[in-house]
Amino acid sequence: MSLGQSLQQRQLQRLSPQQIQLMKLLQIPTAQIEQRVKEELEENPALEMNADLLEGDMEKSVEEMPDDLLQSSAEEEEAIPVDEFEMSNEELSDYSFDDEGDVADYKTKDDYYPELDNDKVIPIRAEQSLHELLMDQLSMLALGDHDYKIAEQIVGSLDDDGYLRRALQSIADDLAFKQSMWVEEKEIEALLLKVQQFDPPGIGARNLQECLLIQLKRKQAELREEAMQDPAADEIRKLAIAVIEKHFEEFTRKHYDKIQKSLHLEEGQMKEVLHQIISLNPKPGAETGHMSEADKYIIPDFTVLINNGHLELTLNSRNAPPLVISDDYKLMLKEYEHSNKQDKSQKEAVFFIKQKIDAAKWFIEMIQQRQQTLLHTMKSILMHQEAFFLSGDTTKLKPMILKDIAEKTSLDVSTVSRVANSKYVQTEFGTFLLKYFFSESLTTDSGEEVSTKEVKAILEELLESEDKHKPFSDDELTEQLQEKGYNIARRTVAKYREQLNVPVARLRKEL
């Protein structure tokens, strides 16, 4: 046996701390961004709101604006015409501060971010049951008819706390009895794992131990890039997983001394591990049924209006808080740096002030990049679905998947997903979650690709116009859709009908 050394070149993709911060901020909808900014303001005294803008100076004309704000005020009174909105990928990724002078008059608004009068934004009621929330996520999976029905049965079998307390064989029996489907437990197990990836984290667990493990492993996966920056935090998460996997009984009995001895943990480590576990949600399904009044309403992140046949896009002004670096902190830093006294306490004070100012710059930059990414993504969705936004006609929705928008924006698919899953747009035809505009395609007889939403809209029209004394069977609905040029199978028609919450023909028949 010989020992030797060799060189290997490997390419690893690691997210910078700025990118991690941006990913977290992207997930926050307009209704919550103010709270996130408030937390940052409380933590960092070097970060402040521009008091003048908060008192109403945003409504002043360009001539009345201070010189340092003229750069960003020219178009704030108008929405952005979609066909004039241009932004390079470099602007999304290369923005940085070179020195202190770059930040002196910096604020988070520029020509790309017009103001939206918040008085005109109508909060939309957004209460949703656990079942509806899970079915929405299920519809986003690319499942065949067979797998979809199994997953649907799993979702329907969850209790109010979000647990699956029924045996897999019982679910198999239900499928055999109700839908004449003969499935094996391993098929149900595979789809259960998919359901367990849904939000809220921990959903679909069969017991408390599995529920906690799902949440811990989800958190570990989501923060894996951050863990490269903070290995100590990653180690605590790994230890928390080990406690639940191998010492769950001791944990429930609070035999922490035994766990600490078995895993060779120091007292401080044990406390951090327990804090990680205690912060988890033992009843993930219950939170959707007990929303506060504030959470039951949503505030649209975007508004799209039609002006003389052209679409105009506006980002809610709450996404553009007028953040600035504290003048007091900048003055203190200047005084310290020019002071003749350079003892240890002086150096520590300079280090603290610089640290706070850098953190404030960083947060301001992330807020700006968040705005750019939101607008860039929404603008691409508008251009792709222009026919719908001009007419409100669902049949004019084009097939669109996350990859389509990722390619148009040069953003990662995961970034587009974060925007689409948590942001709303108010249109002249209603308010929609962005993910509503994403759908798979179906090919017509003429070879044209159409959105599955278009097919569902046609199907819904057929069902509404049918003779209620002799409703269409699924076979008849399939024939009519095929006559219209939609190449579709009967089982797919049945699936779409079920997704529209329409029962079979015999249950729709009226005397």
Protein backbone atom coordinates (compact mmCIF):
# COMPACT_ATOMS: atom_id res chain seq x y z
CA MET A 1 0.00 0.00 0.00
CA SER A 2 1.46 3.34 -1.03
CA LEU A 3 0.64 6.79 0.15
CA GLY A 4 0.86 9.81 -2.10
CA GLN A 5 -0.32 13.31 -2.60
CA SER A 6 -2.42 14.57 -5.49
CA LEU A 7 -3.95 17.87 -6.52
CA GLN A 8 -7.61 18.13 -7.44
CA GLN A 9 -9.44 21.12 -8.82
CA ARG A 10 -13.05 21.43 -7.75
CA GLN A 11 -15.53 24.17 -8.46
CA LEU A 12 -17.86 25.01 -5.59
CA GLN A 13 -20.67 27.52 -5.69
CA ARG A 14 -20.95 29.37 -2.41
CA LEU A 15 -23.31 32.16 -1.60
CA SER A 16 -21.81 35.30 -0.13
CA PRO A 17 -23.30 36.75 3.08
CA GLN A 18 -24.90 39.46 0.91
CA GLN A 19 -26.56 36.87 -1.33
CA ILE A 20 -27.85 34.95 1.69
CA GLN A 21 -29.32 38.17 3.11
CA LEU A 22 -30.90 38.95 -0.27
CA MET A 23 -32.48 35.49 -0.52
CA LYS A 24 -34.05 35.94 2.91
CA LEU A 25 -35.35 39.41 2.09
CA LEU A 26 -36.82 38.21 -1.22
CA GLN A 27 -39.10 35.81 0.63
CA ILE A 28 -40.63 38.63 2.67
CA PRO A 29 -43.84 40.09 1.18
CA THR A 30 -44.74 43.77 1.37
CA ALA A 31 -46.94 43.23 4.43
CA GLN A 32 -43.89 42.09 6.44
CA ILE A 33 -41.01 44.16 5.03
CA GLU A 34 -41.78 47.08 7.35
CA GLN A 35 -41.38 44.83 10.39
CA ARG A 36 -38.06 43.53 9.05
CA VAL A 37 -36.80 47.09 8.51
CA LYS A 38 -37.98 48.05 12.00
CA GLU A 39 -35.96 45.17 13.50
CA GLU A 40 -32.85 46.31 11.64
CA LEU A 41 -33.35 49.92 12.80
CA GLU A 42 -33.63 48.75 16.41
CA GLU A 43 -30.47 46.63 16.14
CA ASN A 44 -28.30 49.16 14.30
CA PRO A 45 -28.17 52.80 15.52
CA ALA A 46 -26.14 53.77 12.42
CA LEU A 47 -29.21 53.06 10.25
CA GLU A 48 -31.99 55.66 10.14
CA MET A 49 -35.11 56.60 8.25
CA ASN A 50 -34.92 59.84 6.28
CA ALA A 51 -37.24 61.97 8.44
CA ASP A 52 -37.88 64.51 5.68
CA LEU A 53 -39.21 61.86 3.32
CA LEU A 54 -41.35 60.34 6.07
CA GLU A 55 -42.99 63.71 6.67
CA GLY A 56 -44.22 63.98 3.11
CA ASP A 57 -41.38 65.42 1.05
CA MET A 58 -41.83 62.54 -1.39
CA GLU A 59 -44.79 64.47 -2.80
CA LYS A 60 -42.72 67.54 -3.64
CA SER A 61 -41.84 68.43 -7.20
CA VAL A 62 -38.36 67.91 -8.59
CA GLU A 63 -37.54 71.62 -8.19
CA GLU A 64 -38.30 71.48 -4.46
CA MET A 65 -36.22 68.38 -3.82
CA PRO A 66 -32.77 68.66 -2.17
CA ASP A 67 -29.90 68.28 -4.62
CA ASP A 68 -28.85 64.91 -3.24
CA LEU A 69 -32.26 63.44 -4.06
CA LEU A 70 -32.68 64.76 -7.60
CA GLN A 71 -31.16 61.60 -9.05
CA SER A 72 -34.09 59.48 -7.93
CA SER A 73 -37.07 61.81 -8.03
CA ALA A 74 -37.62 62.46 -11.71
CA GLU A 75 -40.05 59.63 -12.37
CA GLU A 76 -41.46 58.92 -8.91
CA GLU A 77 -44.84 60.39 -9.79
CA GLU A 78 -45.38 57.94 -12.65
CA ALA A 79 -45.68 54.19 -12.98
CA ILE A 80 -43.19 52.32 -15.15
CA PRO A 81 -44.31 51.54 -18.71
CA VAL A 82 -43.41 47.88 -19.15
CA ASP A 83 -41.90 48.37 -22.60
CA GLU A 84 -39.55 51.09 -21.24
CA PHE A 85 -38.34 49.19 -18.20
CA GLU A 86 -34.80 48.04 -18.89
CA MET A 87 -32.22 46.68 -16.50
CA SER A 88 -29.02 44.79 -17.15
CA ASN A 89 -28.00 41.74 -15.17
CA GLU A 90 -24.91 43.62 -14.00
CA GLU A 91 -27.14 46.06 -12.14
CA LEU A 92 -28.58 43.15 -10.20
CA SER A 93 -25.28 41.66 -9.13
CA ASP A 94 -22.42 44.18 -9.31
CA TYR A 95 -23.71 47.03 -7.15
CA SER A 96 -21.20 47.82 -4.40
CA PHE A 97 -19.88 50.64 -2.25
CA ASP A 98 -16.31 51.70 -3.02
CA ASP A 99 -15.74 54.20 -0.22
CA GLU A 100 -17.49 56.35 2.35
CA GLY A 101 -18.27 59.03 -0.20
CA ASP A 102 -20.46 56.68 -2.19
CA VAL A 103 -22.90 56.43 0.68
CA ALA A 104 -23.19 60.01 1.91
CA ASP A 105 -26.38 60.80 0.04
CA TYR A 106 -27.45 57.25 -0.67
CA LYS A 107 -31.07 56.20 -0.36
CA THR A 108 -32.95 53.19 -1.56
CA LYS A 109 -34.94 54.80 -4.37
CA ASP A 110 -34.08 55.64 -7.94
CA ASP A 111 -35.79 55.98 -11.29
CA TYR A 112 -36.76 52.32 -11.24
CA TYR A 113 -38.82 52.63 -8.08
CA PRO A 114 -41.84 54.94 -8.46
CA GLU A 115 -44.02 55.67 -5.49
CA LEU A 116 -47.38 53.99 -5.07
CA ASP A 117 -49.97 55.86 -3.06
CA ASN A 118 -50.68 53.37 -0.25
CA ASP A 119 -54.12 54.90 0.29
CA LYS A 120 -55.10 53.41 -3.06
CA VAL A 121 -54.01 49.89 -2.13
CA ILE A 122 -56.95 47.78 -1.02
CA PRO A 123 -56.00 44.97 1.38
CA ILE A 124 -57.27 41.63 0.07
CA ARG A 125 -58.56 38.97 2.44
CA ALA A 126 -56.13 36.05 2.28
CA GLU A 127 -57.43 33.51 4.77
CA GLN A 128 -56.76 30.01 3.50
CA SER A 129 -57.41 26.63 5.06
CA LEU A 130 -54.62 24.12 5.57
CA HIS A 131 -56.10 21.86 2.89
CA GLU A 132 -56.28 24.73 0.37
CA LEU A 133 -52.71 25.75 1.14
CA LEU A 134 -51.42 22.21 0.61
CA MET A 135 -53.48 21.63 -2.53
CA ASP A 136 -52.06 24.85 -4.01
CA GLN A 137 -48.57 23.48 -3.44
CA LEU A 138 -49.56 20.08 -4.78
CA SER A 139 -50.78 21.66 -8.01
CA MET A 140 -47.28 23.08 -8.55
CA LEU A 141 -45.76 19.57 -8.72
CA ALA A 142 -45.37 17.92 -12.10
CA LEU A 143 -47.22 14.71 -11.18
CA GLY A 144 -49.04 12.27 -13.40
CA ASP A 145 -52.71 11.50 -12.81
CA HIS A 146 -51.90 8.36 -10.80
CA ASP A 147 -49.42 10.03 -8.44
CA TYR A 148 -51.55 13.15 -8.11
CA LYS A 149 -54.51 11.14 -6.77
CA ILE A 150 -52.28 9.40 -4.24
CA ALA A 151 -50.81 12.70 -3.04
CA GLU A 152 -54.30 14.21 -2.92
CA GLN A 153 -55.44 11.32 -0.70
CA ILE A 154 -52.46 11.91 1.59
CA VAL A 155 -53.26 15.62 1.92
CA GLY A 156 -56.91 14.79 2.62
CA SER A 157 -55.85 12.37 5.36
CA LEU A 158 -53.91 14.94 7.41
CA ASP A 159 -55.46 16.06 10.70
CA ASP A 160 -55.87 19.67 11.86
CA ASP A 161 -52.36 19.70 13.35
CA GLY A 162 -50.89 18.66 10.00
CA TYR A 163 -50.02 15.08 11.00
CA LEU A 164 -50.66 11.90 9.03
CA ARG A 165 -51.89 9.66 11.84
CA ARG A 166 -53.33 6.96 9.57
CA ALA A 167 -51.40 3.89 8.45
CA LEU A 168 -50.21 3.87 4.84
CA GLN A 169 -52.16 0.66 4.27
CA SER A 170 -55.36 2.46 5.30
CA ILE A 171 -54.69 5.08 2.63
CA ALA A 172 -54.08 2.31 0.11
CA ASP A 173 -57.42 0.75 1.11
CA ASP A 174 -59.20 4.09 0.65
CA LEU A 175 -57.74 4.48 -2.83
CA ALA A 176 -58.81 0.95 -3.74
CA PHE A 177 -62.33 1.39 -2.38
CA LYS A 178 -63.09 4.95 -3.55
CA GLN A 179 -61.10 5.21 -6.78
CA SER A 180 -60.42 1.59 -7.77
CA MET A 181 -56.67 2.26 -7.55
CA TRP A 182 -54.39 -0.52 -6.41
CA VAL A 183 -51.22 0.96 -4.96
CA GLU A 184 -48.41 -0.31 -2.79
CA GLU A 185 -47.27 1.28 0.43
CA LYS A 186 -43.90 2.20 -1.08
CA GLU A 187 -45.70 4.36 -3.69
CA ILE A 188 -47.55 6.20 -0.92
CA GLU A 189 -44.32 6.55 1.06
CA ALA A 190 -42.55 8.16 -1.91
CA LEU A 191 -45.32 10.73 -2.39
CA LEU A 192 -45.58 11.36 1.34
CA LEU A 193 -41.93 12.47 1.24
CA LYS A 194 -42.90 15.03 -1.40
CA VAL A 195 -45.79 16.30 0.72
CA GLN A 196 -43.40 16.60 3.67
CA GLN A 197 -41.47 19.20 1.66
CA PHE A 198 -44.51 21.50 1.63
CA ASP A 199 -45.01 24.53 3.84
CA PRO A 200 -45.49 24.93 6.73
CA PRO A 201 -42.35 22.89 7.65
CA GLY A 202 -43.14 19.68 9.49
CA ILE A 203 -46.36 19.01 7.63
CA GLY A 204 -47.19 15.38 6.83
CA ALA A 205 -45.22 13.92 9.73
CA ARG A 206 -46.47 10.70 11.28
CA ASN A 207 -45.35 11.54 14.81
CA LEU A 208 -43.70 14.31 16.79
CA GLN A 209 -40.21 12.92 16.30
CA GLU A 210 -40.57 12.92 12.51
CA CYS A 211 -42.16 16.40 12.62
CA LEU A 212 -39.19 17.89 14.48
CA LEU A 213 -36.69 16.11 12.23
CA ILE A 214 -38.36 17.43 9.08
CA GLN A 215 -38.11 20.98 10.41
CA LEU A 216 -34.50 20.63 11.51
CA LYS A 217 -33.39 19.07 8.23
CA ARG A 218 -35.31 21.68 6.24
CA LYS A 219 -33.58 24.44 8.17
CA GLN A 220 -30.22 22.76 7.68
CA ALA A 221 -30.81 22.47 3.92
CA GLU A 222 -31.99 26.07 3.57
CA LEU A 223 -29.03 27.41 5.52
CA ARG A 224 -26.38 25.07 4.13
CA GLU A 225 -24.65 27.93 2.35
CA GLU A 226 -24.81 30.08 5.45
CA ALA A 227 -23.31 27.21 7.40
CA MET A 228 -20.10 27.61 5.36
CA GLN A 229 -19.84 31.07 6.87
CA ASP A 230 -20.78 29.88 10.38
CA PRO A 231 -19.60 26.30 11.02
CA ALA A 232 -20.42 26.60 14.75
CA ALA A 233 -24.13 27.17 13.98
CA ASP A 234 -24.08 24.27 11.52
CA GLU A 235 -22.61 22.00 14.21
CA ILE A 236 -25.41 22.93 16.64
CA ARG A 237 -28.02 22.03 14.01
CA LYS A 238 -26.32 18.68 13.40
CA LEU A 239 -26.29 17.98 17.13
CA ALA A 240 -29.99 18.89 17.39
CA ILE A 241 -30.76 16.37 14.64
CA ALA A 242 -28.69 13.73 16.49
CA VAL A 243 -30.64 14.38 19.71
CA ILE A 244 -34.01 13.87 18.01
CA GLU A 245 -32.86 10.90 15.92
CA LYS A 246 -31.00 8.96 18.60
CA HIS A 247 -32.11 10.32 21.97
CA PHE A 248 -35.74 11.31 21.44
CA GLU A 249 -37.03 9.35 24.45
CA GLU A 250 -34.44 10.94 26.75
CA PHE A 251 -35.35 14.34 25.32
CA THR A 252 -39.07 13.92 25.99
CA ARG A 253 -38.28 12.78 29.55
CA LYS A 254 -35.90 15.76 29.98
CA HIS A 255 -32.95 13.50 30.79
CA TYR A 256 -30.62 16.14 29.41
CA ASP A 257 -27.67 14.96 31.49
CA LYS A 258 -27.77 11.57 29.75
CA ILE A 259 -27.90 13.23 26.31
CA GLN A 260 -25.05 15.57 27.22
CA LYS A 261 -22.89 12.67 28.40
CA SER A 262 -23.69 10.45 25.40
CA LEU A 263 -22.92 13.15 22.82
CA HIS A 264 -19.98 14.59 24.81
CA LEU A 265 -21.52 18.05 24.90
CA GLU A 266 -20.46 21.02 26.96
CA GLU A 267 -23.15 22.77 28.98
CA GLY A 268 -23.21 25.74 26.60
CA GLN A 269 -23.61 23.46 23.59
CA MET A 270 -26.46 21.59 25.27
CA LYS A 271 -28.31 24.85 25.91
CA GLU A 272 -27.94 25.91 22.26
CA VAL A 273 -29.15 22.51 21.04
CA LEU A 274 -32.21 22.69 23.30
CA HIS A 275 -32.93 26.21 22.10
CA GLN A 276 -32.85 24.97 18.48
CA ILE A 277 -35.34 22.18 19.24
CA ILE A 278 -37.69 24.19 21.48
CA SER A 279 -38.02 26.86 18.78
CA LEU A 280 -39.61 24.32 16.41
CA ASN A 281 -43.37 24.01 15.85
CA PRO A 282 -44.90 20.78 17.22
CA LYS A 283 -48.23 21.49 15.45
CA PRO A 284 -47.37 22.89 11.99
CA GLY A 285 -50.90 22.57 10.65
CA ALA A 286 -52.51 24.51 13.46
CA GLU A 287 -50.86 27.82 12.57
CA THR A 288 -52.85 28.22 9.35
CA GLY A 289 -56.13 28.04 11.21
CA HIS A 290 -55.26 30.70 13.78
CA MET A 291 -54.08 33.70 11.80
CA SER A 292 -54.30 37.15 13.34
CA GLU A 293 -56.63 39.68 11.76
CA ALA A 294 -53.62 41.44 10.24
CA ASP A 295 -52.39 38.20 8.65
CA LYS A 296 -55.80 37.48 7.11
CA TYR A 297 -55.31 40.36 4.69
CA ILE A 298 -52.64 40.85 2.07
CA ILE A 299 -51.26 44.03 0.60
CA PRO A 300 -50.31 43.68 -3.09
CA ASP A 301 -46.60 43.98 -3.78
CA PHE A 302 -47.21 45.24 -7.32
CA THR A 303 -49.93 47.12 -9.17
CA VAL A 304 -50.44 46.77 -12.93
CA LEU A 305 -52.66 49.28 -14.73
CA ILE A 306 -53.61 49.72 -18.38
CA ASN A 307 -52.88 53.21 -19.76
CA ASN A 308 -53.88 53.77 -23.42
CA GLY A 309 -53.34 50.12 -24.23
CA HIS A 310 -49.98 49.90 -22.45
CA LEU A 311 -49.21 48.16 -19.17
CA GLU A 312 -47.75 50.19 -16.31
CA LEU A 313 -46.02 48.47 -13.44
CA THR A 314 -45.71 49.96 -9.96
CA LEU A 315 -43.91 48.53 -6.93
CA ASN A 316 -45.61 49.21 -3.61
CA SER A 317 -43.76 52.08 -1.92
CA ARG A 318 -43.52 50.09 1.33
CA ASN A 319 -40.78 48.12 -0.42
CA ALA A 320 -38.71 51.31 -0.73
CA PRO A 321 -38.18 52.62 2.82
CA PRO A 322 -36.09 55.85 2.76
CA LEU A 323 -33.10 54.43 4.65
CA VAL A 324 -29.92 56.45 5.21
CA ILE A 325 -26.69 56.28 7.19
CA SER A 326 -26.89 58.24 10.47
CA ASP A 327 -25.26 61.68 10.18
CA ASP A 328 -24.26 61.41 13.86
CA TYR A 329 -22.39 58.18 13.23
CA LYS A 330 -20.64 59.57 10.15
CA LEU A 331 -19.60 62.64 12.18
CA MET A 332 -18.37 60.51 15.09
CA LEU A 333 -16.29 58.38 12.74
CA LYS A 334 -14.76 61.47 11.16
CA GLU A 335 -13.91 62.97 14.55
CA TYR A 336 -12.38 59.76 15.86
CA GLU A 337 -10.27 59.24 12.74
CA HIS A 338 -8.88 62.80 12.93
CA SER A 339 -8.26 62.66 16.67
CA ASN A 340 -4.67 62.76 17.94
CA LYS A 341 -5.57 60.30 20.64
CA GLN A 342 -5.05 56.74 19.39
CA ASP A 343 -5.27 54.52 22.49
CA LYS A 344 -6.96 51.12 22.71
CA SER A 345 -10.40 52.47 23.65
CA GLN A 346 -10.22 54.93 20.75
CA LYS A 347 -9.45 52.15 18.29
CA GLU A 348 -12.26 50.01 19.69
CA ALA A 349 -14.70 52.89 19.28
CA VAL A 350 -13.61 53.44 15.66
CA PHE A 351 -13.98 49.71 14.98
CA PHE A 352 -17.50 49.63 16.51
CA ILE A 353 -18.68 52.68 14.53
CA LYS A 354 -17.25 51.34 11.26
CA GLN A 355 -18.85 47.98 11.91
CA LYS A 356 -22.29 49.56 12.42
CA ILE A 357 -21.94 51.82 9.37
CA ASP A 358 -20.84 48.88 7.20
CA ALA A 359 -23.82 46.84 8.41
CA ALA A 360 -26.15 49.75 7.60
CA LYS A 361 -24.67 50.11 4.09
CA TRP A 362 -25.03 46.40 3.61
CA PHE A 363 -28.70 46.38 4.60
CA ILE A 364 -29.50 49.41 2.43
CA GLU A 365 -27.84 47.70 -0.52
CA MET A 366 -29.81 44.51 0.08
CA ILE A 367 -33.09 46.43 0.21
CA GLN A 368 -32.21 48.09 -3.08
CA GLN A 369 -31.24 44.82 -4.72
CA ARG A 370 -34.48 43.29 -3.43
CA GLN A 371 -36.43 46.05 -5.18
CA GLN A 372 -34.48 45.54 -8.41
CA THR A 373 -35.01 41.79 -8.35
CA LEU A 374 -38.75 42.11 -7.63
CA LEU A 375 -39.28 44.58 -10.47
CA HIS A 376 -37.05 42.71 -12.89
CA THR A 377 -38.92 39.45 -12.24
CA MET A 378 -42.38 41.04 -12.38
CA LYS A 379 -41.55 42.90 -15.58
CA SER A 380 -40.58 39.59 -17.25
CA ILE A 381 -43.81 37.95 -16.08
CA LEU A 382 -45.79 40.89 -17.50
CA MET A 383 -44.09 40.65 -20.87
CA HIS A 384 -44.67 36.89 -21.01
CA GLN A 385 -48.33 37.15 -19.98
CA GLU A 386 -49.10 40.51 -21.62
CA ALA A 387 -52.27 39.25 -23.31
CA PHE A 388 -53.79 38.27 -19.98
CA PHE A 389 -52.87 41.51 -18.17
CA LEU A 390 -54.45 43.51 -21.00
CA SER A 391 -57.67 41.49 -21.12
CA GLY A 392 -58.08 39.50 -17.90
CA ASP A 393 -58.96 36.52 -20.11
CA THR A 394 -57.64 33.32 -18.50
CA THR A 395 -57.62 31.54 -21.87
CA LYS A 396 -54.88 33.95 -22.96
CA LEU A 397 -52.44 32.79 -20.30
CA LYS A 398 -49.38 31.26 -21.94
CA PRO A 399 -47.51 28.23 -20.62
CA MET A 400 -44.84 29.50 -18.25
CA ILE A 401 -42.55 27.70 -15.83
CA LEU A 402 -39.98 29.08 -13.39
CA LYS A 403 -37.16 28.28 -15.80
CA ASP A 404 -38.72 30.55 -18.46
CA ILE A 405 -38.55 33.60 -16.20
CA ALA A 406 -35.14 32.58 -14.83
CA GLU A 407 -33.76 32.60 -18.38
CA LYS A 408 -35.35 35.96 -19.22
CA THR A 409 -34.00 37.62 -16.08
CA SER A 410 -30.67 35.74 -15.83
CA LEU A 411 -31.66 34.92 -12.26
CA ASP A 412 -31.52 31.53 -10.59
CA VAL A 413 -34.69 29.41 -10.62
CA SER A 414 -34.73 29.39 -6.81
CA THR A 415 -34.69 33.20 -6.79
CA VAL A 416 -37.67 33.38 -9.16
CA SER A 417 -39.45 30.81 -6.98
CA ARG A 418 -38.95 32.95 -3.87
CA VAL A 419 -40.55 35.90 -5.62
CA ALA A 420 -43.42 33.91 -7.16
CA ASN A 421 -44.43 32.05 -4.00
CA SER A 422 -44.92 35.03 -1.71
CA LYS A 423 -45.79 38.11 -3.79
CA TYR A 424 -49.16 39.43 -5.02
CA VAL A 425 -50.03 41.68 -7.96
CA GLN A 426 -53.13 43.86 -8.08
CA THR A 427 -54.58 44.16 -11.60
CA GLU A 428 -57.72 45.67 -13.10
CA PHE A 429 -59.16 42.13 -13.06
CA GLY A 430 -58.36 41.11 -9.50
CA THR A 431 -55.42 40.38 -7.21
CA PHE A 432 -53.30 37.30 -7.88
CA LEU A 433 -50.44 35.43 -6.27
CA LEU A 434 -47.60 35.45 -8.82
CA LYS A 435 -47.38 31.68 -8.93
CA TYR A 436 -50.91 31.70 -10.40
CA PHE A 437 -49.36 32.72 -13.74
CA PHE A 438 -47.11 29.66 -13.88
CA SER A 439 -48.44 26.53 -15.55
CA GLU A 440 -47.35 23.60 -17.71
CA SER A 441 -48.10 23.39 -21.41
CA LEU A 442 -50.36 21.21 -23.54
CA THR A 443 -49.99 20.79 -27.30
CA THR A 444 -53.01 21.32 -29.57
CA ASP A 445 -53.69 19.45 -32.81
CA SER A 446 -52.13 22.33 -34.72
CA GLY A 447 -48.89 21.92 -32.76
CA GLU A 448 -49.41 25.08 -30.71
CA GLU A 449 -48.45 24.99 -27.03
CA VAL A 450 -51.15 26.35 -24.72
CA SER A 451 -51.32 26.77 -20.97
CA THR A 452 -53.13 24.11 -18.94
CA LYS A 453 -54.98 27.04 -17.35
CA GLU A 454 -56.45 27.82 -20.77
CA VAL A 455 -57.73 24.24 -21.03
CA LYS A 456 -59.24 24.47 -17.55
CA ALA A 457 -60.96 27.73 -18.47
CA ILE A 458 -62.52 26.12 -21.59
CA LEU A 459 -63.53 23.11 -19.50
CA GLU A 460 -65.16 25.38 -16.93
CA GLU A 461 -67.15 27.11 -19.70
CA LEU A 462 -68.38 23.74 -20.96
CA LEU A 463 -69.47 22.71 -17.47
CA GLU A 464 -71.29 25.99 -16.87
CA SER A 465 -73.20 25.77 -20.17
CA GLU A 466 -74.16 22.09 -19.94
CA ASP A 467 -77.77 20.89 -19.62
CA LYS A 468 -78.14 20.25 -15.90
CA HIS A 469 -80.75 17.58 -16.64
CA LYS A 470 -78.21 15.71 -18.75
CA PRO A 471 -74.71 16.80 -17.70
CA PHE A 472 -71.64 15.89 -19.73
CA SER A 473 -69.73 12.77 -18.79
CA ASP A 474 -65.93 12.95 -18.72
CA ASP A 475 -65.87 11.14 -22.07
CA GLU A 476 -68.19 13.75 -23.60
CA LEU A 477 -66.13 16.60 -22.15
CA THR A 478 -63.00 15.02 -23.62
CA GLU A 479 -64.62 14.76 -27.05
CA GLN A 480 -65.69 18.41 -26.98
CA LEU A 481 -62.22 19.58 -25.97
CA GLN A 482 -60.67 17.44 -28.70
CA GLU A 483 -63.09 18.96 -31.22
CA LYS A 484 -61.78 22.38 -30.17
CA GLY A 485 -58.26 21.17 -30.96
CA TYR A 486 -57.04 20.33 -27.47
CA ASN A 487 -55.21 17.00 -27.53
CA ILE A 488 -56.16 15.72 -24.09
CA ALA A 489 -56.84 12.36 -22.45
CA ARG A 490 -60.03 11.54 -20.53
CA ARG A 491 -58.13 10.95 -17.26
CA THR A 492 -56.60 14.42 -17.58
CA VAL A 493 -60.06 15.92 -18.09
CA ALA A 494 -61.22 14.10 -14.95
CA LYS A 495 -58.25 15.50 -13.02
CA TYR A 496 -58.93 19.06 -14.19
CA ARG A 497 -62.62 18.69 -13.34
CA GLU A 498 -61.71 17.58 -9.82
CA GLN A 499 -59.29 20.51 -9.47
CA LEU A 500 -62.20 22.79 -10.36
CA ASN A 501 -64.13 21.14 -7.48
CA VAL A 502 -66.80 19.83 -9.88
CA PRO A 503 -68.25 16.38 -9.07
CA VAL A 504 -68.90 13.59 -11.58
CA ALA A 505 -71.88 13.84 -13.99
CA ARG A 506 -74.30 11.70 -11.95
CA LEU A 507 -73.85 14.00 -8.94
CA ARG A 508 -74.42 17.12 -11.07
CA LYS A 509 -77.70 15.87 -12.54
CA GLU A 510 -80.79 17.85 -11.62
CA LEU A 511 -84.40 16.60 -11.83
